[in-house]
Structure formats: structure tokens, C-alpha cells
Amino acid sequence: MLSWVVRLILIAANFVAGFFVAEDALNFEIIQGVISLFLVALLVFVLAFWPSSWTHFFNNLGKKA
């Protein structure tokens, strides 16, 4: 499960880094790593400051009143 998350983050980092640097450039892996670290930090930030009202909304989304 964790490998899926890491793979998705690296795919997203590859996509974003491809806009700024050519994939055959020498520093592409470094830039991809920096972008992936930024995405991990963003994911942790979103999970840390997730509003509890959103959790109640998503938990009750499929239930009938």
C-alpha cells in the first residue's frame, strides 16, 4: 500500500519535473527528488490540518438521513 503512494508521488513528480527540465538532463533526478519531497510535505500538511468538519461530511456522504 505504501509503495502505491510512493509510486503515485514519483509519477506526479516526474510529470511536473518534465515541464521544467528535459528528462535526459543530468540534474533531472535531483529536481524530481526535490519535487517529490515537496509533494510529500504537502501531503503531510494537508493531512495534519484536515478540518474535522470535512471528515464528518465525507463519513456521512453515502448514508441516508
PDB file of N, CA and C in Angstrom:
ATOM      1  N   MET A   1       0.823  -1.194   0.000  1.00  0.00           N
ATOM      2  CA  MET A   1       0.000   0.000   0.000  1.00  0.00           C
ATOM      3  C   MET A   1       0.868   1.260   0.000  1.00  0.00           C
ATOM      4  N   LEU A   2       1.891   1.257   0.818  1.00  0.00           N
ATOM      5  CA  LEU A   2       2.769   2.414   0.864  1.00  0.00           C
ATOM      6  C   LEU A   2       3.522   2.583  -0.446  1.00  0.00           C
ATOM      7  N   SER A   3       3.850   1.469  -1.094  1.00  0.00           N
ATOM      8  CA  SER A   3       4.557   1.560  -2.374  1.00  0.00           C
ATOM      9  C   SER A   3       3.671   2.210  -3.437  1.00  0.00           C
ATOM     10  N   TRP A   4       2.348   2.013  -3.348  1.00  0.00           N
ATOM     11  CA  TRP A   4       1.457   2.675  -4.298  1.00  0.00           C
ATOM     12  C   TRP A   4       1.491   4.187  -4.112  1.00  0.00           C
ATOM     13  N   VAL A   5       1.501   4.626  -2.869  1.00  0.00           N
ATOM     14  CA  VAL A   5       1.535   6.059  -2.587  1.00  0.00           C
ATOM     15  C   VAL A   5       2.850   6.658  -3.081  1.00  0.00           C
ATOM     16  N   VAL A   6       3.951   5.967  -2.811  1.00  0.00           N
ATOM     17  CA  VAL A   6       5.255   6.455  -3.251  1.00  0.00           C
ATOM     18  C   VAL A   6       5.316   6.480  -4.776  1.00  0.00           C
ATOM     19  N   ARG A   7       4.789   5.457  -5.412  1.00  0.00           N
ATOM     20  CA  ARG A   7       4.806   5.407  -6.879  1.00  0.00           C
ATOM     21  C   ARG A   7       3.977   6.540  -7.473  1.00  0.00           C
ATOM     22  N   LEU A   8       2.809   6.823  -6.885  1.00  0.00           N
ATOM     23  CA  LEU A   8       1.981   7.928  -7.374  1.00  0.00           C
ATOM     24  C   LEU A   8       2.663   9.279  -7.188  1.00  0.00           C
ATOM     25  N   ILE A   9       3.346   9.442  -6.058  1.00  0.00           N
ATOM     26  CA  ILE A   9       4.066  10.692  -5.815  1.00  0.00           C
ATOM     27  C   ILE A   9       5.205  10.852  -6.812  1.00  0.00           C
ATOM     28  N   LEU A  10       5.939   9.777  -7.087  1.00  0.00           N
ATOM     29  CA  LEU A  10       7.041   9.862  -8.049  1.00  0.00           C
ATOM     30  C   LEU A  10       6.541  10.071  -9.474  1.00  0.00           C
ATOM     31  N   ILE A  11       5.399   9.507  -9.816  1.00  0.00           N
ATOM     32  CA  ILE A  11       4.830   9.753 -11.142  1.00  0.00           C
ATOM     33  C   ILE A  11       4.429  11.216 -11.276  1.00  0.00           C
ATOM     34  N   ALA A  12       3.812  11.762 -10.242  1.00  0.00           N
ATOM     35  CA  ALA A  12       3.428  13.178 -10.264  1.00  0.00           C
ATOM     36  C   ALA A  12       4.670  14.068 -10.318  1.00  0.00           C
ATOM     37  N   ALA A  13       5.720  13.711  -9.577  1.00  0.00           N
ATOM     38  CA  ALA A  13       6.954  14.494  -9.600  1.00  0.00           C
ATOM     39  C   ALA A  13       7.619  14.412 -10.963  1.00  0.00           C
ATOM     40  N   ASN A  14       7.575  13.247 -11.599  1.00  0.00           N
ATOM     41  CA  ASN A  14       8.134  13.093 -12.940  1.00  0.00           C
ATOM     42  C   ASN A  14       7.382  13.972 -13.929  1.00  0.00           C
ATOM     43  N   PHE A  15       6.072  14.016 -13.814  1.00  0.00           N
ATOM     44  CA  PHE A  15       5.243  14.824 -14.701  1.00  0.00           C
ATOM     45  C   PHE A  15       5.551  16.313 -14.530  1.00  0.00           C
ATOM     46  N   VAL A  16       5.648  16.767 -13.282  1.00  0.00           N
ATOM     47  CA  VAL A  16       5.913  18.187 -13.013  1.00  0.00           C
ATOM     48  C   VAL A  16       7.344  18.552 -13.418  1.00  0.00           C
ATOM     49  N   ALA A  17       8.304  17.698 -13.107  1.00  0.00           N
ATOM     50  CA  ALA A  17       9.695  17.996 -13.455  1.00  0.00           C
ATOM     51  C   ALA A  17       9.898  18.002 -14.965  1.00  0.00           C
ATOM     52  N   GLY A  18       9.109  17.233 -15.686  1.00  0.00           N
ATOM     53  CA  GLY A  18       9.200  17.217 -17.136  1.00  0.00           C
ATOM     54  C   GLY A  18       8.848  18.545 -17.771  1.00  0.00           C
ATOM     55  N   PHE A  19       8.072  19.371 -17.089  1.00  0.00           N
ATOM     56  CA  PHE A  19       7.753  20.699 -17.601  1.00  0.00           C
ATOM     57  C   PHE A  19       8.934  21.659 -17.500  1.00  0.00           C
ATOM     58  N   PHE A  20       9.810  21.451 -16.530  1.00  0.00           N
ATOM     59  CA  PHE A  20      10.881  22.396 -16.278  1.00  0.00           C
ATOM     60  C   PHE A  20      12.233  21.956 -16.822  1.00  0.00           C
ATOM     61  N   VAL A  21      12.478  20.653 -16.881  1.00  0.00           N
ATOM     62  CA  VAL A  21      13.789  20.135 -17.278  1.00  0.00           C
ATOM     63  C   VAL A  21      13.570  18.973 -18.235  1.00  0.00           C
ATOM     64  N   ALA A  22      14.453  18.848 -19.215  1.00  0.00           N
ATOM     65  CA  ALA A  22      14.375  17.703 -20.117  1.00  0.00           C
ATOM     66  C   ALA A  22      14.724  16.424 -19.354  1.00  0.00           C
ATOM     67  N   GLU A  23      14.074  15.318 -19.721  1.00  0.00           N
ATOM     68  CA  GLU A  23      14.269  14.073 -18.979  1.00  0.00           C
ATOM     69  C   GLU A  23      15.665  13.493 -19.150  1.00  0.00           C
ATOM     70  N   ASP A  24      16.387  13.886 -20.186  1.00  0.00           N
ATOM     71  CA  ASP A  24      17.746  13.383 -20.367  1.00  0.00           C
ATOM     72  C   ASP A  24      18.806  14.319 -19.783  1.00  0.00           C
ATOM     73  N   ALA A  25      18.369  15.361 -19.072  1.00  0.00           N
ATOM     74  CA  ALA A  25      19.311  16.266 -18.421  1.00  0.00           C
ATOM     75  C   ALA A  25      19.965  15.578 -17.234  1.00  0.00           C
ATOM     76  N   LEU A  26      21.160  16.024 -16.893  1.00  0.00           N
ATOM     77  CA  LEU A  26      21.915  15.391 -15.810  1.00  0.00           C
ATOM     78  C   LEU A  26      21.280  15.606 -14.441  1.00  0.00           C
ATOM     79  N   ASN A  27      20.619  16.721 -14.259  1.00  0.00           N
ATOM     80  CA  ASN A  27      20.046  17.029 -12.945  1.00  0.00           C
ATOM     81  C   ASN A  27      18.560  16.706 -12.852  1.00  0.00           C
ATOM     82  N   PHE A  28      18.012  15.938 -13.779  1.00  0.00           N
ATOM     83  CA  PHE A  28      16.584  15.633 -13.763  1.00  0.00           C
ATOM     84  C   PHE A  28      16.185  14.860 -12.512  1.00  0.00           C
ATOM     85  N   GLU A  29      16.996  13.875 -12.115  1.00  0.00           N
ATOM     86  CA  GLU A  29      16.659  13.072 -10.940  1.00  0.00           C
ATOM     87  C   GLU A  29      16.679  13.913  -9.667  1.00  0.00           C
ATOM     88  N   ILE A  30      17.573  14.866  -9.600  1.00  0.00           N
ATOM     89  CA  ILE A  30      17.642  15.737  -8.424  1.00  0.00           C
ATOM     90  C   ILE A  30      16.396  16.610  -8.341  1.00  0.00           C
ATOM     91  N   ILE A  31      16.014  17.180  -9.453  1.00  0.00           N
ATOM     92  CA  ILE A  31      14.822  18.034  -9.470  1.00  0.00           C
ATOM     93  C   ILE A  31      13.575  17.199  -9.201  1.00  0.00           C
ATOM     94  N   GLN A  32      13.526  15.995  -9.734  1.00  0.00           N
ATOM     95  CA  GLN A  32      12.403  15.107  -9.457  1.00  0.00           C
ATOM     96  C   GLN A  32      12.348  14.759  -7.972  1.00  0.00           C
ATOM     97  N   GLY A  33      13.491  14.536  -7.360  1.00  0.00           N
ATOM     98  CA  GLY A  33      13.529  14.252  -5.925  1.00  0.00           C
ATOM     99  C   GLY A  33      13.069  15.428  -5.091  1.00  0.00           C
ATOM    100  N   VAL A  34      13.480  16.627  -5.478  1.00  0.00           N
ATOM    101  CA  VAL A  34      13.053  17.821  -4.742  1.00  0.00           C
ATOM    102  C   VAL A  34      11.549  18.020  -4.862  1.00  0.00           C
ATOM    103  N   ILE A  35      11.018  17.826  -6.057  1.00  0.00           N
ATOM    104  CA  ILE A  35       9.576  17.972  -6.250  1.00  0.00           C
ATOM    105  C   ILE A  35       8.823  16.901  -5.484  1.00  0.00           C
ATOM    106  N   SER A  36       9.350  15.681  -5.451  1.00  0.00           N
ATOM    107  CA  SER A  36       8.668  14.624  -4.699  1.00  0.00           C
ATOM    108  C   SER A  36       8.698  14.907  -3.198  1.00  0.00           C
ATOM    109  N   LEU A  37       9.798  15.459  -2.689  1.00  0.00           N
ATOM    110  CA  LEU A  37       9.829  15.853  -1.276  1.00  0.00           C
ATOM    111  C   LEU A  37       8.817  16.960  -0.991  1.00  0.00           C
ATOM    112  N   PHE A  38       8.677  17.889  -1.918  1.00  0.00           N
ATOM    113  CA  PHE A  38       7.681  18.938  -1.760  1.00  0.00           C
ATOM    114  C   PHE A  38       6.269  18.345  -1.744  1.00  0.00           C
ATOM    115  N   LEU A  39       6.007  17.370  -2.609  1.00  0.00           N
ATOM    116  CA  LEU A  39       4.687  16.737  -2.633  1.00  0.00           C
ATOM    117  C   LEU A  39       4.409  15.951  -1.360  1.00  0.00           C
ATOM    118  N   VAL A  40       5.429  15.293  -0.816  1.00  0.00           N
ATOM    119  CA  VAL A  40       5.258  14.579   0.458  1.00  0.00           C
ATOM    120  C   VAL A  40       4.961  15.574   1.577  1.00  0.00           C
ATOM    121  N   ALA A  41       5.690  16.689   1.596  1.00  0.00           N
ATOM    122  CA  ALA A  41       5.446  17.717   2.616  1.00  0.00           C
ATOM    123  C   ALA A  41       4.040  18.293   2.470  1.00  0.00           C
ATOM    124  N   LEU A  42       3.597  18.485   1.240  1.00  0.00           N
ATOM    125  CA  LEU A  42       2.247  18.990   1.005  1.00  0.00           C
ATOM    126  C   LEU A  42       1.193  17.993   1.476  1.00  0.00           C
ATOM    127  N   LEU A  43       1.420  16.719   1.219  1.00  0.00           N
ATOM    128  CA  LEU A  43       0.504  15.675   1.677  1.00  0.00           C
ATOM    129  C   LEU A  43       0.426  15.630   3.205  1.00  0.00           C
ATOM    130  N   VAL A  44       1.570  15.712   3.868  1.00  0.00           N
ATOM    131  CA  VAL A  44       1.590  15.714   5.332  1.00  0.00           C
ATOM    132  C   VAL A  44       0.898  16.960   5.877  1.00  0.00           C
ATOM    133  N   PHE A  45       1.109  18.095   5.233  1.00  0.00           N
ATOM    134  CA  PHE A  45       0.463  19.336   5.663  1.00  0.00           C
ATOM    135  C   PHE A  45      -1.056  19.231   5.549  1.00  0.00           C
ATOM    136  N   VAL A  46      -1.536  18.691   4.436  1.00  0.00           N
ATOM    137  CA  VAL A  46      -2.983  18.555   4.248  1.00  0.00           C
ATOM    138  C   VAL A  46      -3.564  17.596   5.276  1.00  0.00           C
ATOM    139  N   LEU A  47      -2.890  16.478   5.513  1.00  0.00           N
ATOM    140  CA  LEU A  47      -3.398  15.521   6.492  1.00  0.00           C
ATOM    141  C   LEU A  47      -3.335  16.065   7.922  1.00  0.00           C
ATOM    142  N   ALA A  48      -2.342  16.889   8.217  1.00  0.00           N
ATOM    143  CA  ALA A  48      -2.212  17.425   9.572  1.00  0.00           C
ATOM    144  C   ALA A  48      -3.270  18.478   9.877  1.00  0.00           C
ATOM    145  N   PHE A  49      -3.654  19.241   8.873  1.00  0.00           N
ATOM    146  CA  PHE A  49      -4.598  20.334   9.103  1.00  0.00           C
ATOM    147  C   PHE A  49      -5.957  20.063   8.470  1.00  0.00           C
ATOM    148  N   TRP A  50      -6.296  18.784   8.324  1.00  0.00           N
ATOM    149  CA  TRP A  50      -7.588  18.394   7.764  1.00  0.00           C
ATOM    150  C   TRP A  50      -8.698  18.818   8.719  1.00  0.00           C
ATOM    151  N   PRO A  51      -9.643  19.632   8.274  1.00  0.00           N
ATOM    152  CA  PRO A  51     -10.723  20.072   9.167  1.00  0.00           C
ATOM    153  C   PRO A  51     -11.628  18.904   9.570  1.00  0.00           C
ATOM    154  N   SER A  52     -12.015  18.880  10.809  1.00  0.00           N
ATOM    155  CA  SER A  52     -12.875  17.790  11.284  1.00  0.00           C
ATOM    156  C   SER A  52     -14.264  17.860  10.645  1.00  0.00           C
ATOM    157  N   SER A  53     -14.685  19.029  10.232  1.00  0.00           N
ATOM    158  CA  SER A  53     -15.992  19.134   9.570  1.00  0.00           C
ATOM    159  C   SER A  53     -15.992  18.392   8.239  1.00  0.00           C
ATOM    160  N   TRP A  54     -14.852  18.365   7.532  1.00  0.00           N
ATOM    161  CA  TRP A  54     -14.763  17.613   6.280  1.00  0.00           C
ATOM    162  C   TRP A  54     -14.875  16.121   6.557  1.00  0.00           C
ATOM    163  N   THR A  55     -14.286  15.664   7.651  1.00  0.00           N
ATOM    164  CA  THR A  55     -14.334  14.246   7.987  1.00  0.00           C
ATOM    165  C   THR A  55     -15.768  13.810   8.243  1.00  0.00           C
ATOM    166  N   HIS A  56     -16.523  14.602   8.979  1.00  0.00           N
ATOM    167  CA  HIS A  56     -17.922  14.270   9.239  1.00  0.00           C
ATOM    168  C   HIS A  56     -18.729  14.283   7.949  1.00  0.00           C
ATOM    169  N   PHE A  57     -18.433  15.219   7.058  1.00  0.00           N
ATOM    170  CA  PHE A  57     -19.135  15.299   5.784  1.00  0.00           C
ATOM    171  C   PHE A  57     -18.868  14.054   4.944  1.00  0.00           C
ATOM    172  N   PHE A  58     -17.595  13.659   4.818  1.00  0.00           N
ATOM    173  CA  PHE A  58     -17.258  12.504   3.995  1.00  0.00           C
ATOM    174  C   PHE A  58     -17.711  11.183   4.624  1.00  0.00           C
ATOM    175  N   ASN A  59     -17.761  11.109   5.936  1.00  0.00           N
ATOM    176  CA  ASN A  59     -18.247   9.893   6.589  1.00  0.00           C
ATOM    177  C   ASN A  59     -19.752   9.698   6.373  1.00  0.00           C
ATOM    178  N   ASN A  60     -20.489  10.781   6.289  1.00  0.00           N
ATOM    179  CA  ASN A  60     -21.941  10.708   6.130  1.00  0.00           C
ATOM    180  C   ASN A  60     -22.383  10.877   4.682  1.00  0.00           C
ATOM    181  N   LEU A  61     -21.462  10.829   3.747  1.00  0.00           N
ATOM    182  CA  LEU A  61     -21.785  11.119   2.356  1.00  0.00           C
ATOM    183  C   LEU A  61     -22.716  10.075   1.751  1.00  0.00           C
ATOM    184  N   GLY A  62     -22.481   8.803   1.987  1.00  0.00           N
ATOM    185  CA  GLY A  62     -23.302   7.761   1.386  1.00  0.00           C
ATOM    186  C   GLY A  62     -24.485   7.310   2.210  1.00  0.00           C
ATOM    187  N   LYS A  63     -24.629   7.833   3.407  1.00  0.00           N
ATOM    188  CA  LYS A  63     -25.708   7.396   4.306  1.00  0.00           C
ATOM    189  C   LYS A  63     -26.970   8.213   4.073  1.00  0.00           C
ATOM    190  N   LYS A  64     -28.106   7.556   4.280  1.00  0.00           N
ATOM    191  CA  LYS A  64     -29.373   8.262   4.170  1.00  0.00           C
ATOM    192  C   LYS A  64     -29.699   8.938   5.502  1.00  0.00           C
ATOM    193  N   ALA A  65     -30.426  10.029   5.423  1.00  0.00           N
ATOM    194  CA  ALA A  65     -30.759  10.799   6.623  1.00  0.00           C
ATOM    195  C   ALA A  65     -31.806  10.185   7.469  1.00  0.00           C
TER     196      ALA A  65
END
